[in-house]
């Protein structure tokens, strides 16, 4: 359990950089997501050449790939939120994942709804309301961020199921392939709707995409999938509420976003962090004590 928590929180630390790359990379959100998925899939294919991967059926490949499409849609909306708003807005909206998971996981897994989980995640909702009820400047970006967190919750739930049936490299590989194929179908439609000025990334964007794909995708999701073997989807989702902290600190340092933050923003982030603290205490102490 402790090893899984360490893996998860190091993955969260790496995830803190993904929002920053969304701001640094010039190409639009659909191309950013597509290139990230393609490069990640290529890295994983290279790794698979040196390591034996388990043999699975075509049906299993398609099931894993479908979950990868959920991940691709989440990324697309997440980067759209950052492009249309700020890094801080995008990552704070992402904290709603735990709230959506608290409702979706019992519904999809046919379990009883946990009042405790809903209560913990409701602190996140209150925090978000506190942050954004006083500033509607980034309304469209906020809407994209909220929908993004919904798809992330779906991904975490189905990824938890997959992690109990298949090996981590197998899951990550076919998820990236599935996501790349699915988003690839969206690219032409997106191009008609919002034509990309820079379809081919610059040298600087290529460098950022390589780091984003290898470190903040392949390695990060390897850690997440490993941790999912021991932890619930709700724990994974709520633990990722720390991601905004890392991203906001980086956004302040790199993009001077602090000038756009009010006292209500910091109060809201405080509530989000409080929900995470209570969840960790519940996981490490209260649930452990109840099993004794």
Protein backbone atom coordinates (compact mmCIF):
# COMPACT_ATOMS: atom_id res chain seq x y z
CA UNK A 1 0.00 0.00 0.00
CA UNK A 2 2.76 2.48 0.94
CA UNK A 3 4.73 1.68 -2.23
CA UNK A 4 1.60 2.22 -4.32
CA UNK A 5 0.99 5.59 -2.66
CA UNK A 6 4.59 6.66 -3.31
CA UNK A 7 4.30 5.66 -6.97
CA UNK A 8 1.00 7.50 -7.27
CA UNK A 9 2.26 10.74 -5.73
CA UNK A 10 5.43 10.77 -7.82
CA UNK A 11 3.16 10.37 -10.85
CA UNK A 12 1.14 13.33 -9.58
CA UNK A 13 4.35 15.38 -9.33
CA UNK A 14 5.16 14.58 -12.97
CA UNK A 15 1.57 15.39 -13.94
CA UNK A 16 2.11 18.87 -12.55
CA UNK A 17 4.31 19.61 -15.56
CA UNK A 18 1.72 18.58 -18.18
CA UNK A 19 -0.28 21.79 -17.80
CA UNK A 20 2.88 23.86 -18.19
CA UNK A 21 3.74 22.06 -21.43
CA UNK A 22 0.20 22.79 -22.62
CA UNK A 23 1.02 26.49 -22.34
CA UNK A 24 4.57 26.27 -23.71
CA UNK A 25 3.65 24.25 -26.81
CA UNK A 26 2.32 26.57 -29.52
CA UNK A 27 0.25 24.14 -31.63
CA UNK A 28 -3.45 23.86 -30.79
CA UNK A 29 -4.94 21.41 -28.30
CA UNK A 30 -6.03 18.69 -30.75
CA UNK A 31 -2.64 18.52 -32.47
CA UNK A 32 -0.84 18.65 -29.12
CA UNK A 33 -2.92 15.72 -27.87
CA UNK A 34 -2.50 13.76 -31.10
CA UNK A 35 1.28 14.20 -31.27
CA UNK A 36 1.60 13.34 -27.59
CA UNK A 37 -0.30 10.09 -28.10
CA UNK A 38 1.64 9.17 -31.26
CA UNK A 39 5.05 9.83 -29.69
CA UNK A 40 4.07 7.97 -26.51
CA UNK A 41 2.91 4.98 -28.57
CA UNK A 42 6.19 4.98 -30.52
CA UNK A 43 8.24 5.08 -27.31
CA UNK A 44 6.23 2.17 -25.93
CA UNK A 45 6.65 0.17 -29.12
CA UNK A 46 10.42 0.65 -28.89
CA UNK A 47 10.36 -0.49 -25.26
CA UNK A 48 8.28 -3.52 -26.26
CA UNK A 49 11.03 -4.61 -28.67
CA UNK A 50 13.45 -5.09 -25.75
CA UNK A 51 10.93 -6.46 -23.29
CA UNK A 52 8.53 -9.31 -23.82
CA UNK A 53 4.92 -8.19 -23.70
CA UNK A 54 2.06 -10.50 -22.93
CA UNK A 55 0.03 -11.89 -25.81
CA UNK A 56 -3.61 -10.82 -25.73
CA UNK A 57 -6.57 -11.31 -28.04
CA UNK A 58 -7.78 -8.76 -30.59
CA UNK A 59 -10.89 -8.23 -28.47
CA UNK A 60 -8.72 -7.36 -25.46
CA UNK A 61 -6.64 -4.98 -27.57
CA UNK A 62 -9.79 -3.17 -28.67
CA UNK A 63 -11.09 -2.95 -25.09
CA UNK A 64 -7.85 -1.38 -23.89
CA UNK A 65 -7.72 0.92 -26.92
CA UNK A 66 -11.25 2.16 -26.19
CA UNK A 67 -10.15 3.21 -22.70
CA UNK A 68 -7.22 4.96 -24.35
CA UNK A 69 -9.70 7.01 -26.39
CA UNK A 70 -11.26 8.23 -23.13
CA UNK A 71 -7.80 9.36 -22.08
CA UNK A 72 -7.28 11.13 -25.41
CA UNK A 73 -10.58 13.02 -25.08
CA UNK A 74 -9.64 14.01 -21.53
CA UNK A 75 -6.29 15.40 -22.74
CA UNK A 76 -7.92 17.25 -25.63
CA UNK A 77 -10.39 19.02 -23.35
CA UNK A 78 -7.75 19.60 -20.67
CA UNK A 79 -5.39 21.35 -23.07
CA UNK A 80 -8.34 23.24 -24.56
CA UNK A 81 -9.12 24.53 -21.08
CA UNK A 82 -5.54 25.75 -20.70
CA UNK A 83 -5.45 27.34 -24.16
CA UNK A 84 -8.75 29.19 -23.64
CA UNK A 85 -8.03 30.13 -20.04
CA UNK A 86 -4.83 29.65 -18.02
CA UNK A 87 -2.75 26.79 -16.64
CA UNK A 88 -4.18 27.46 -13.18
CA UNK A 89 -7.78 27.31 -14.40
CA UNK A 90 -7.22 24.09 -16.34
CA UNK A 91 -5.53 22.20 -13.51
CA UNK A 92 -7.92 23.38 -10.80
CA UNK A 93 -10.93 22.22 -12.84
CA UNK A 94 -9.18 18.87 -13.10
CA UNK A 95 -9.65 18.48 -9.34
CA UNK A 96 -13.33 17.72 -10.01
CA UNK A 97 -12.29 14.23 -11.14
CA UNK A 98 -12.67 12.89 -7.61
CA UNK A 99 -16.21 14.26 -7.37
CA UNK A 100 -17.29 12.62 -10.64
CA UNK A 101 -15.59 9.36 -9.63
CA UNK A 102 -17.51 9.25 -6.33
CA UNK A 103 -20.76 9.01 -8.34
CA UNK A 104 -19.63 7.15 -11.47
CA UNK A 105 -17.67 4.34 -9.80
CA UNK A 106 -20.64 2.94 -7.78
CA UNK A 107 -22.88 3.35 -10.84
CA UNK A 108 -20.56 1.53 -13.26
CA UNK A 109 -19.24 -1.06 -10.77
CA UNK A 110 -22.66 -1.59 -9.14
CA UNK A 111 -21.37 -0.74 -5.69
CA UNK A 112 -22.97 1.21 -2.89
CA UNK A 113 -22.43 4.97 -3.03
CA UNK A 114 -19.97 6.09 -0.36
CA UNK A 115 -21.23 9.08 1.61
CA UNK A 116 -17.69 9.55 2.91
CA UNK A 117 -16.24 9.86 -0.60
CA UNK A 118 -18.98 12.23 -1.70
CA UNK A 119 -18.38 14.36 1.38
CA UNK A 120 -14.62 14.52 0.77
CA UNK A 121 -14.99 15.37 -2.91
CA UNK A 122 -17.69 17.95 -2.16
CA UNK A 123 -14.99 20.08 -0.53
CA UNK A 124 -13.38 20.21 -3.98
CA UNK A 125 -16.64 21.37 -5.55
CA UNK A 126 -17.05 24.11 -2.94
CA UNK A 127 -13.46 25.16 -3.58
CA UNK A 128 -14.09 25.42 -7.33
CA UNK A 129 -17.30 27.39 -6.81
CA UNK A 130 -15.43 29.74 -4.51
CA UNK A 131 -12.70 30.24 -7.09
CA UNK A 132 -14.84 30.84 -10.16
CA UNK A 133 -18.07 32.37 -8.89
CA UNK A 134 -16.25 35.70 -8.63
CA UNK A 135 -14.63 35.64 -12.07
CA UNK A 136 -16.38 34.50 -15.25
CA UNK A 137 -13.67 35.74 -17.62
CA UNK A 138 -12.58 32.21 -18.45
CA UNK A 139 -16.03 30.64 -18.61
CA UNK A 140 -15.42 28.59 -21.78
CA UNK A 141 -12.10 27.32 -20.49
CA UNK A 142 -13.77 26.36 -17.23
CA UNK A 143 -16.51 24.41 -19.05
CA UNK A 144 -13.89 22.49 -21.03
CA UNK A 145 -11.98 21.76 -17.81
CA UNK A 146 -15.08 20.41 -16.05
CA UNK A 147 -15.96 18.09 -18.97
CA UNK A 148 -12.31 17.01 -19.10
CA UNK A 149 -12.44 15.91 -15.46
CA UNK A 150 -15.57 13.85 -16.21
CA UNK A 151 -13.73 11.88 -18.91
CA UNK A 152 -10.73 11.50 -16.62
CA UNK A 153 -12.99 9.93 -13.98
CA UNK A 154 -14.29 7.46 -16.56
CA UNK A 155 -10.74 6.65 -17.60
CA UNK A 156 -9.62 5.99 -14.01
CA UNK A 157 -12.54 3.64 -13.36
CA UNK A 158 -11.99 1.53 -16.48
CA UNK A 159 -8.21 1.68 -16.06
CA UNK A 160 -8.59 0.20 -12.58
CA UNK A 161 -10.42 -2.78 -14.11
CA UNK A 162 -7.77 -3.27 -16.79
CA UNK A 163 -4.92 -3.11 -14.25
CA UNK A 164 -6.29 -6.23 -12.56
CA UNK A 165 -6.35 -8.24 -15.81
CA UNK A 166 -3.33 -7.16 -17.86
CA UNK A 167 0.27 -6.13 -17.36
CA UNK A 168 1.11 -2.44 -17.11
CA UNK A 169 3.21 -2.16 -20.34
CA UNK A 170 0.44 -3.86 -22.31
CA UNK A 171 -2.25 -1.54 -21.00
CA UNK A 172 -0.25 1.64 -21.59
CA UNK A 173 0.83 0.62 -25.09
CA UNK A 174 -2.65 -0.16 -26.46
CA UNK A 175 -4.19 2.83 -24.68
CA UNK A 176 -1.78 5.18 -26.45
CA UNK A 177 -2.42 3.47 -29.79
CA UNK A 178 -6.19 3.61 -29.29
CA UNK A 179 -6.06 7.23 -28.23
CA UNK A 180 -3.87 8.18 -31.21
CA UNK A 181 -6.22 6.45 -33.67
CA UNK A 182 -9.34 7.99 -32.11
CA UNK A 183 -7.99 11.54 -31.90
CA UNK A 184 -6.59 11.12 -35.42
CA UNK A 185 -10.18 10.81 -36.66
CA UNK A 186 -11.08 14.05 -34.87
CA UNK A 187 -8.18 16.05 -36.32
CA UNK A 188 -9.71 16.64 -39.82
CA UNK A 189 -13.04 17.74 -38.30
CA UNK A 190 -11.23 20.02 -35.87
CA UNK A 191 -9.17 21.42 -38.74
CA UNK A 192 -12.35 22.45 -40.57
CA UNK A 193 -13.79 24.01 -37.43
CA UNK A 194 -10.65 25.79 -36.19
CA UNK A 195 -7.89 25.67 -38.83
CA UNK A 196 -4.45 25.25 -37.26
CA UNK A 197 -1.96 27.95 -38.16
CA UNK A 198 0.97 25.67 -37.31
CA UNK A 199 0.16 22.07 -38.26
CA UNK A 200 3.82 21.03 -38.13
CA UNK A 201 5.40 21.68 -34.71
CA UNK A 202 8.49 23.88 -34.44
CA UNK A 203 11.81 22.52 -33.20
CA UNK A 204 11.07 23.87 -29.74
CA UNK A 205 7.62 22.25 -29.73
CA UNK A 206 9.18 18.94 -30.82
CA UNK A 207 11.56 19.07 -27.85
CA UNK A 208 8.72 19.83 -25.44
CA UNK A 209 6.59 17.06 -26.98
CA UNK A 210 9.39 14.51 -26.58
CA UNK A 211 9.80 15.31 -22.86
CA UNK A 212 6.02 15.41 -22.37
CA UNK A 213 5.57 12.05 -24.09
CA UNK A 214 8.47 10.10 -22.57
CA UNK A 215 8.60 11.42 -19.00
CA UNK A 216 5.17 12.90 -18.31
CA UNK A 217 3.21 10.24 -20.22
CA UNK A 218 4.92 6.87 -20.64
CA UNK A 219 6.67 6.85 -17.27
CA UNK A 220 3.86 8.67 -15.45
CA UNK A 221 1.09 6.32 -16.63
CA UNK A 222 3.28 3.33 -15.89
CA UNK A 223 3.36 4.51 -12.27
CA UNK A 224 -0.37 5.22 -12.22
CA UNK A 225 -1.32 1.81 -13.61
CA UNK A 226 0.98 0.05 -11.14
CA UNK A 227 -0.53 2.02 -8.25
CA UNK A 228 -4.07 1.21 -9.49
CA UNK A 229 -3.44 -2.46 -8.65
CA UNK A 230 -3.49 -1.62 -4.94
CA UNK A 231 -5.58 1.57 -4.78
CA UNK A 232 -9.16 2.42 -5.76
CA UNK A 233 -10.09 4.70 -8.65
CA UNK A 234 -11.42 7.23 -6.13
CA UNK A 235 -8.07 7.33 -4.31
CA UNK A 236 -6.20 7.81 -7.59
CA UNK A 237 -8.57 10.58 -8.69
CA UNK A 238 -8.56 12.47 -5.42
CA UNK A 239 -4.80 12.16 -5.00
CA UNK A 240 -4.43 13.93 -8.33
CA UNK A 241 -5.88 17.00 -6.62
CA UNK A 242 -2.25 17.73 -5.75
CA UNK A 243 -1.51 18.27 -9.43
CA UNK A 244 -2.92 21.83 -9.38
CA UNK A 245 -0.53 22.75 -6.59
CA UNK A 246 2.55 21.81 -8.62
CA UNK A 247 1.15 23.31 -11.82
CA UNK A 248 0.09 26.56 -10.17
CA UNK A 249 3.51 27.04 -8.59
CA UNK A 250 5.16 26.47 -11.98
CA UNK A 251 2.64 28.76 -13.71
CA UNK A 252 3.39 31.52 -11.23
CA UNK A 253 7.13 31.13 -11.76
CA UNK A 254 7.05 30.78 -15.55
CA UNK A 255 4.00 32.76 -16.68
CA UNK A 256 3.41 35.20 -13.81
CA UNK A 257 -0.17 33.97 -13.41
CA UNK A 258 -0.29 35.16 -9.80
CA UNK A 259 -1.45 38.60 -11.00
CA UNK A 260 -4.72 36.99 -12.14
CA UNK A 261 -5.38 35.16 -8.85
CA UNK A 262 -7.65 36.61 -6.16
CA UNK A 263 -7.92 35.75 -2.48
CA UNK A 264 -10.88 33.53 -3.40
CA UNK A 265 -8.63 31.49 -5.67
CA UNK A 266 -6.27 30.69 -2.81
CA UNK A 267 -9.18 29.96 -0.45
CA UNK A 268 -10.62 27.54 -3.00
CA UNK A 269 -7.28 25.78 -3.50
CA UNK A 270 -7.05 25.51 0.30
CA UNK A 271 -10.35 23.61 0.40
CA UNK A 272 -9.18 21.30 -2.38
CA UNK A 273 -6.00 20.52 -0.44
CA UNK A 274 -8.07 19.93 2.70
CA UNK A 275 -10.15 17.32 0.87
CA UNK A 276 -6.95 15.55 -0.16
CA UNK A 277 -5.55 15.61 3.37
CA UNK A 278 -8.73 14.13 4.83
CA UNK A 279 -8.76 11.44 2.14
CA UNK A 280 -5.16 10.41 2.88
CA UNK A 281 -5.87 10.27 6.63
CA UNK A 282 -8.97 8.19 5.92
CA UNK A 283 -7.01 5.79 3.72
CA UNK A 284 -3.98 5.38 5.98
CA UNK A 285 -5.62 5.48 9.39
CA UNK A 286 -9.40 5.08 9.56
CA UNK A 287 -9.83 2.40 6.88
CA UNK A 288 -6.76 0.54 8.18
CA UNK A 289 -8.17 0.70 11.71
CA UNK A 290 -11.55 -0.60 10.54
CA UNK A 291 -9.87 -3.69 9.06
CA UNK A 292 -8.14 -4.57 12.34
